[in-house]
C-alpha atoms as a PDB file:
ATOM      1  CA  UNK A   1      -9.989  18.039 -12.371  1.00  0.00           C
ATOM      2  CA  UNK A   2     -11.356  15.554  -9.834  1.00  0.00           C
ATOM      3  CA  UNK A   3     -12.901  13.471 -12.606  1.00  0.00           C
ATOM      4  CA  UNK A   4      -9.614  13.110 -14.492  1.00  0.00           C
ATOM      5  CA  UNK A   5      -7.812  12.028 -11.311  1.00  0.00           C
ATOM      6  CA  UNK A   6     -10.418   9.351 -10.575  1.00  0.00           C
ATOM      7  CA  UNK A   7     -10.443   8.097 -14.168  1.00  0.00           C
ATOM      8  CA  UNK A   8      -6.645   7.751 -14.115  1.00  0.00           C
ATOM      9  CA  UNK A   9      -6.893   6.123 -10.681  1.00  0.00           C
ATOM     10  CA  UNK A  10      -9.286   3.425 -11.918  1.00  0.00           C
ATOM     11  CA  UNK A  11      -6.809   2.359 -14.606  1.00  0.00           C
ATOM     12  CA  UNK A  12      -4.422   1.105 -11.927  1.00  0.00           C
ATOM     13  CA  UNK A  13      -4.953  -2.245 -10.280  1.00  0.00           C
ATOM     14  CA  UNK A  14      -5.076  -2.678  -6.507  1.00  0.00           C
ATOM     15  CA  UNK A  15      -1.362  -3.446  -6.157  1.00  0.00           C
ATOM     16  CA  UNK A  16      -0.327  -0.318  -8.078  1.00  0.00           C
ATOM     17  CA  UNK A  17      -2.772   1.819  -6.074  1.00  0.00           C
ATOM     18  CA  UNK A  18      -1.267   0.522  -2.824  1.00  0.00           C
ATOM     19  CA  UNK A  19       2.277   1.283  -4.006  1.00  0.00           C
ATOM     20  CA  UNK A  20       1.284   4.814  -5.075  1.00  0.00           C
ATOM     21  CA  UNK A  21      -0.402   5.450  -1.720  1.00  0.00           C
ATOM     22  CA  UNK A  22       2.640   4.177   0.179  1.00  0.00           C
ATOM     23  CA  UNK A  23       5.003   6.375  -1.839  1.00  0.00           C
ATOM     24  CA  UNK A  24       2.728   9.383  -1.264  1.00  0.00           C
ATOM     25  CA  UNK A  25       2.573   8.716   2.469  1.00  0.00           C
ATOM     26  CA  UNK A  26       6.342   8.258   2.716  1.00  0.00           C
ATOM     27  CA  UNK A  27       6.869  11.602   0.945  1.00  0.00           C
ATOM     28  CA  UNK A  28       4.444  13.311   3.346  1.00  0.00           C
ATOM     29  CA  UNK A  29       6.091  11.700   6.361  1.00  0.00           C
ATOM     30  CA  UNK A  30       9.599  12.601   5.206  1.00  0.00           C
ATOM     31  CA  UNK A  31       8.527  16.253   4.972  1.00  0.00           C
ATOM     32  CA  UNK A  32       6.765  16.322   8.352  1.00  0.00           C
ATOM     33  CA  UNK A  33       8.720  13.916  10.545  1.00  0.00           C
ATOM     34  CA  UNK A  34      12.350  14.392   9.482  1.00  0.00           C
ATOM     35  CA  UNK A  35      13.415  14.842  13.109  1.00  0.00           C
ATOM     36  CA  UNK A  36      11.291  11.876  14.255  1.00  0.00           C
ATOM     37  CA  UNK A  37      13.090   9.524  11.887  1.00  0.00           C
ATOM     38  CA  UNK A  38      11.702   8.553   8.508  1.00  0.00           C
ATOM     39  CA  UNK A  39      13.601   5.274   8.609  1.00  0.00           C
ATOM     40  CA  UNK A  40      11.818   4.170  11.784  1.00  0.00           C
ATOM     41  CA  UNK A  41       8.426   4.846  10.163  1.00  0.00           C
ATOM     42  CA  UNK A  42       9.528   3.134   6.960  1.00  0.00           C
ATOM     43  CA  UNK A  43      10.627   0.082   8.942  1.00  0.00           C
ATOM     44  CA  UNK A  44       7.204  -0.009  10.619  1.00  0.00           C
ATOM     45  CA  UNK A  45       5.508   0.054   7.200  1.00  0.00           C
ATOM     46  CA  UNK A  46       7.762  -2.674   5.806  1.00  0.00           C
ATOM     47  CA  UNK A  47       7.366  -4.881   8.872  1.00  0.00           C
ATOM     48  CA  UNK A  48       3.559  -4.591   8.737  1.00  0.00           C
ATOM     49  CA  UNK A  49       3.512  -6.501   5.443  1.00  0.00           C
END
C-alpha cells in the first residue's frame, strides 16, 4: 500500500505535489476549524505566496 502511494507520488512534479498538499491541508482544516474560520486560514495561505 505504502509503496503504491509513493510510486504515484513520484510521478507528480513539485508544483503538483504542493497543490495536492495544500488541498489536503485545507480539507483537514475545514473539518477541524470550522468555527475558527476556514476563510481566515485560507487567506493566510494565499498571502504567504
